[in-house]
N, C-alpha and C. Protein backbone atom coordinates (compact mmCIF):
# COMPACT_ATOMS: atom_id res chain seq x y z
N UNK A 1 -14.59 7.56 -4.31
CA UNK A 1 -15.64 8.33 -3.70
C UNK A 1 -16.94 7.93 -4.36
N UNK A 2 -17.92 7.64 -3.56
CA UNK A 2 -19.24 7.33 -4.06
C UNK A 2 -20.13 8.54 -3.88
N UNK A 3 -20.93 8.83 -4.87
CA UNK A 3 -21.81 9.99 -4.77
C UNK A 3 -23.20 9.59 -5.19
N UNK A 4 -24.17 9.85 -4.35
CA UNK A 4 -25.56 9.52 -4.63
C UNK A 4 -26.32 10.82 -4.79
N UNK A 5 -26.74 11.11 -6.01
CA UNK A 5 -27.46 12.35 -6.28
C UNK A 5 -28.94 12.06 -6.26
N UNK A 6 -29.65 12.76 -5.38
CA UNK A 6 -31.09 12.57 -5.28
C UNK A 6 -31.85 13.48 -6.24
N UNK A 7 -33.15 13.28 -6.31
CA UNK A 7 -33.98 14.10 -7.19
C UNK A 7 -34.32 15.41 -6.50
N UNK A 8 -34.66 16.39 -7.33
CA UNK A 8 -35.05 17.69 -6.78
C UNK A 8 -36.38 17.55 -6.06
N UNK A 9 -36.51 18.31 -5.00
CA UNK A 9 -37.73 18.25 -4.20
C UNK A 9 -38.60 19.47 -4.45
N UNK A 10 -39.86 19.33 -4.15
CA UNK A 10 -40.78 20.47 -4.18
C UNK A 10 -41.01 21.00 -5.58
N UNK A 11 -40.93 22.29 -5.72
CA UNK A 11 -41.26 22.93 -6.99
C UNK A 11 -40.06 23.04 -7.93
N UNK A 12 -38.96 22.39 -7.62
CA UNK A 12 -37.81 22.41 -8.51
C UNK A 12 -36.82 23.51 -8.20
N UNK A 13 -37.07 24.29 -7.16
CA UNK A 13 -36.14 25.36 -6.84
C UNK A 13 -35.02 24.91 -5.90
N UNK A 14 -35.24 23.81 -5.21
CA UNK A 14 -34.22 23.29 -4.31
C UNK A 14 -33.12 22.59 -5.12
N UNK A 15 -31.87 22.72 -4.72
CA UNK A 15 -30.80 22.02 -5.43
C UNK A 15 -30.89 20.52 -5.17
N UNK A 16 -30.32 19.70 -6.04
CA UNK A 16 -30.38 18.25 -5.83
C UNK A 16 -29.59 17.86 -4.57
N UNK A 17 -30.06 16.83 -3.93
CA UNK A 17 -29.39 16.32 -2.74
C UNK A 17 -28.19 15.50 -3.17
N UNK A 18 -27.08 15.72 -2.54
CA UNK A 18 -25.88 14.96 -2.88
C UNK A 18 -25.26 14.46 -1.58
N UNK A 19 -25.14 13.16 -1.49
CA UNK A 19 -24.51 12.57 -0.31
C UNK A 19 -23.26 11.84 -0.77
N UNK A 20 -22.11 12.35 -0.41
CA UNK A 20 -20.85 11.75 -0.81
C UNK A 20 -20.24 11.03 0.38
N UNK A 21 -19.76 9.83 0.12
CA UNK A 21 -19.13 9.02 1.15
C UNK A 21 -17.75 8.62 0.65
N UNK A 22 -16.73 8.91 1.44
CA UNK A 22 -15.38 8.48 1.08
C UNK A 22 -15.22 7.02 1.43
N UNK A 23 -14.79 6.24 0.45
CA UNK A 23 -14.56 4.82 0.67
C UNK A 23 -13.06 4.62 0.73
N UNK A 24 -12.55 4.21 1.88
CA UNK A 24 -11.12 4.01 2.03
C UNK A 24 -10.82 2.56 2.41
N UNK A 25 -11.42 1.66 1.66
CA UNK A 25 -11.20 0.24 1.89
C UNK A 25 -9.95 -0.16 1.13
N UNK A 26 -8.83 -0.29 1.85
CA UNK A 26 -7.55 -0.58 1.23
C UNK A 26 -7.20 -2.04 1.45
N UNK A 27 -6.73 -2.69 0.41
CA UNK A 27 -6.42 -4.11 0.50
C UNK A 27 -5.04 -4.31 1.09
N UNK A 28 -4.06 -3.56 0.62
CA UNK A 28 -2.71 -3.64 1.18
C UNK A 28 -2.05 -2.28 1.04
N UNK A 29 -0.96 -2.14 1.76
CA UNK A 29 -0.23 -0.87 1.76
C UNK A 29 0.72 -0.81 0.57
N UNK A 30 0.45 0.07 -0.36
CA UNK A 30 1.32 0.24 -1.52
C UNK A 30 2.66 0.84 -1.16
N UNK A 31 2.68 1.70 -0.14
CA UNK A 31 3.95 2.29 0.29
C UNK A 31 4.88 1.20 0.82
N UNK A 32 4.36 0.32 1.63
CA UNK A 32 5.17 -0.78 2.18
C UNK A 32 5.61 -1.72 1.08
N UNK A 33 4.70 -2.04 0.17
CA UNK A 33 5.04 -2.97 -0.91
C UNK A 33 6.11 -2.40 -1.83
N UNK A 34 6.10 -1.10 -2.07
CA UNK A 34 7.12 -0.47 -2.90
C UNK A 34 8.49 -0.56 -2.24
N UNK A 35 8.54 -0.29 -0.94
CA UNK A 35 9.82 -0.41 -0.22
C UNK A 35 10.34 -1.84 -0.25
N UNK A 36 9.46 -2.80 -0.08
CA UNK A 36 9.89 -4.20 -0.08
C UNK A 36 10.32 -4.67 -1.46
N UNK A 37 9.62 -4.22 -2.49
CA UNK A 37 10.03 -4.60 -3.85
C UNK A 37 11.41 -4.05 -4.18
N UNK A 38 11.72 -2.86 -3.68
CA UNK A 38 13.07 -2.31 -3.86
C UNK A 38 14.11 -3.17 -3.15
N UNK A 39 13.79 -3.61 -1.95
CA UNK A 39 14.72 -4.46 -1.20
C UNK A 39 14.92 -5.79 -1.90
N UNK A 40 13.85 -6.39 -2.39
CA UNK A 40 13.97 -7.66 -3.10
C UNK A 40 14.71 -7.51 -4.42
N UNK A 41 14.59 -6.35 -5.05
CA UNK A 41 15.26 -6.16 -6.34
C UNK A 41 16.78 -6.15 -6.19
N UNK A 42 17.29 -5.72 -5.05
CA UNK A 42 18.73 -5.74 -4.82
C UNK A 42 19.24 -7.16 -4.62
N UNK A 43 18.37 -8.06 -4.15
CA UNK A 43 18.80 -9.43 -3.95
C UNK A 43 19.01 -10.16 -5.27
N UNK A 44 18.18 -9.88 -6.25
CA UNK A 44 18.32 -10.51 -7.55
C UNK A 44 17.86 -11.95 -7.55
N UNK A 45 18.04 -12.60 -8.69
CA UNK A 45 17.58 -13.97 -8.86
C UNK A 45 18.65 -14.99 -8.51
N UNK A 46 19.90 -14.59 -8.57
CA UNK A 46 21.00 -15.52 -8.32
C UNK A 46 21.20 -15.72 -6.83
N UNK A 47 21.76 -16.87 -6.50
CA UNK A 47 22.08 -17.11 -5.10
C UNK A 47 23.37 -16.39 -4.70
N UNK A 48 24.17 -16.01 -5.70
CA UNK A 48 25.40 -15.28 -5.41
C UNK A 48 25.12 -13.78 -5.39
N UNK A 49 25.14 -13.22 -4.21
CA UNK A 49 24.85 -11.81 -4.02
C UNK A 49 26.11 -11.15 -3.48
N UNK A 50 26.49 -10.04 -4.10
CA UNK A 50 27.68 -9.34 -3.63
C UNK A 50 27.41 -8.66 -2.29
N UNK A 51 28.48 -8.30 -1.62
CA UNK A 51 28.32 -7.62 -0.33
C UNK A 51 27.62 -6.28 -0.48
N UNK A 52 27.89 -5.60 -1.59
CA UNK A 52 27.25 -4.30 -1.83
C UNK A 52 25.75 -4.47 -2.01
N UNK A 53 25.34 -5.48 -2.79
CA UNK A 53 23.91 -5.74 -2.98
C UNK A 53 23.24 -6.13 -1.67
N UNK A 54 23.94 -6.93 -0.88
CA UNK A 54 23.38 -7.35 0.41
C UNK A 54 23.24 -6.16 1.35
N UNK A 55 24.20 -5.26 1.35
CA UNK A 55 24.12 -4.05 2.18
C UNK A 55 22.94 -3.18 1.75
N UNK A 56 22.80 -2.97 0.43
CA UNK A 56 21.68 -2.16 -0.07
C UNK A 56 20.34 -2.81 0.27
N UNK A 57 20.28 -4.13 0.14
CA UNK A 57 19.05 -4.84 0.46
C UNK A 57 18.72 -4.72 1.94
N UNK A 58 19.72 -4.85 2.80
CA UNK A 58 19.48 -4.73 4.24
C UNK A 58 19.02 -3.32 4.61
N UNK A 59 19.60 -2.31 3.97
CA UNK A 59 19.16 -0.93 4.21
C UNK A 59 17.70 -0.76 3.78
N UNK A 60 17.36 -1.32 2.62
CA UNK A 60 15.97 -1.21 2.14
C UNK A 60 15.00 -1.96 3.04
N UNK A 61 15.41 -3.14 3.54
CA UNK A 61 14.54 -3.86 4.47
C UNK A 61 14.36 -3.07 5.76
N UNK A 62 15.42 -2.44 6.24
CA UNK A 62 15.30 -1.59 7.42
C UNK A 62 14.36 -0.43 7.18
N UNK A 63 14.48 0.20 6.01
CA UNK A 63 13.58 1.30 5.67
C UNK A 63 12.14 0.81 5.49
N UNK A 64 11.98 -0.41 4.99
CA UNK A 64 10.64 -0.97 4.85
C UNK A 64 10.00 -1.19 6.22
N UNK A 65 10.79 -1.60 7.19
CA UNK A 65 10.26 -1.76 8.55
C UNK A 65 9.85 -0.40 9.11
N UNK A 66 10.70 0.61 8.92
CA UNK A 66 10.37 1.97 9.37
C UNK A 66 9.12 2.47 8.65
N UNK A 67 9.05 2.23 7.34
CA UNK A 67 7.88 2.64 6.55
C UNK A 67 6.61 1.97 7.08
N UNK A 68 6.71 0.68 7.37
CA UNK A 68 5.54 -0.05 7.89
C UNK A 68 5.07 0.53 9.21
N UNK A 69 6.01 0.80 10.09
CA UNK A 69 5.65 1.36 11.39
C UNK A 69 5.05 2.76 11.25
N UNK A 70 5.60 3.55 10.33
CA UNK A 70 5.05 4.90 10.11
C UNK A 70 3.64 4.85 9.54
N UNK A 71 3.42 3.94 8.59
CA UNK A 71 2.09 3.83 7.98
C UNK A 71 1.07 3.41 9.02
N UNK A 72 1.45 2.47 9.90
CA UNK A 72 0.53 2.03 10.95
C UNK A 72 0.30 3.14 11.96
N UNK A 73 1.38 3.85 12.35
CA UNK A 73 1.23 4.89 13.37
C UNK A 73 0.44 6.09 12.86
N UNK A 74 0.51 6.37 11.56
CA UNK A 74 -0.27 7.47 11.00
C UNK A 74 -1.72 7.08 10.77
N UNK A 75 -2.02 5.81 11.00
CA UNK A 75 -3.38 5.28 10.83
C UNK A 75 -3.88 5.42 9.40
N UNK A 76 -2.93 5.32 8.46
CA UNK A 76 -3.30 5.33 7.04
C UNK A 76 -3.84 3.96 6.63
N UNK A 77 -3.31 2.92 7.25
CA UNK A 77 -3.73 1.54 6.98
C UNK A 77 -3.91 0.81 8.30
N UNK A 78 -4.69 -0.25 8.22
CA UNK A 78 -4.76 -1.16 9.35
C UNK A 78 -3.49 -2.00 9.37
N UNK A 79 -3.20 -2.62 10.50
CA UNK A 79 -2.01 -3.46 10.62
C UNK A 79 -2.08 -4.62 9.64
N UNK A 80 -3.25 -5.18 9.44
CA UNK A 80 -3.39 -6.31 8.53
C UNK A 80 -3.05 -5.89 7.09
N UNK A 81 -3.32 -4.65 6.71
CA UNK A 81 -2.96 -4.16 5.38
C UNK A 81 -1.45 -4.20 5.17
N UNK A 82 -0.72 -3.84 6.20
CA UNK A 82 0.75 -3.83 6.11
C UNK A 82 1.28 -5.26 6.08
N UNK A 83 0.69 -6.13 6.89
CA UNK A 83 1.11 -7.54 6.90
C UNK A 83 0.84 -8.18 5.54
N UNK A 84 -0.31 -7.90 4.95
CA UNK A 84 -0.64 -8.43 3.63
C UNK A 84 0.35 -7.90 2.58
N UNK A 85 0.79 -6.66 2.72
CA UNK A 85 1.78 -6.10 1.79
C UNK A 85 3.10 -6.86 1.88
N UNK A 86 3.52 -7.22 3.10
CA UNK A 86 4.75 -8.00 3.26
C UNK A 86 4.60 -9.37 2.60
N UNK A 87 3.46 -10.02 2.81
CA UNK A 87 3.22 -11.34 2.22
C UNK A 87 3.12 -11.25 0.71
N UNK A 88 2.40 -10.25 0.21
CA UNK A 88 2.23 -10.09 -1.24
C UNK A 88 3.57 -9.77 -1.91
N UNK A 89 4.38 -8.96 -1.28
CA UNK A 89 5.69 -8.62 -1.86
C UNK A 89 6.57 -9.86 -1.99
N UNK A 90 6.58 -10.66 -0.94
CA UNK A 90 7.39 -11.88 -0.97
C UNK A 90 6.85 -12.85 -2.02
N UNK A 91 5.52 -12.95 -2.12
CA UNK A 91 4.92 -13.84 -3.11
C UNK A 91 5.24 -13.38 -4.54
N UNK A 92 5.17 -12.09 -4.79
CA UNK A 92 5.49 -11.56 -6.12
C UNK A 92 6.97 -11.79 -6.43
N UNK A 93 7.84 -11.61 -5.45
CA UNK A 93 9.26 -11.84 -5.66
C UNK A 93 9.54 -13.30 -6.00
N UNK A 94 8.93 -14.22 -5.24
CA UNK A 94 9.14 -15.64 -5.49
C UNK A 94 8.53 -16.06 -6.83
N UNK A 95 7.37 -15.50 -7.17
CA UNK A 95 6.72 -15.84 -8.43
C UNK A 95 7.57 -15.34 -9.61
N UNK A 96 8.20 -14.19 -9.43
CA UNK A 96 8.98 -13.59 -10.52
C UNK A 96 10.31 -14.33 -10.72
N UNK A 97 10.79 -15.04 -9.70
CA UNK A 97 12.05 -15.78 -9.84
C UNK A 97 11.87 -16.81 -10.86
């Protein structure tokens, strides 16, 4: 939140002017990225993934898709914010390997 406090006007009896503007410039969706990081964490670093891990990962990816659609439909983020979260999550996962 940005707040710009102006000077008192007149004889000093008026309260200071305050203009507050909410800044909601979001780079990516943290909710989507959290769901995706959970899905990637079940995959692990090894190429050998058990069926249980694969099932958990698929469930998390499904929930991440639902989360993405909910975030977009609630108009909390722009679509590009959600897409960037998917790309950033994959990049962080690959970088961490």
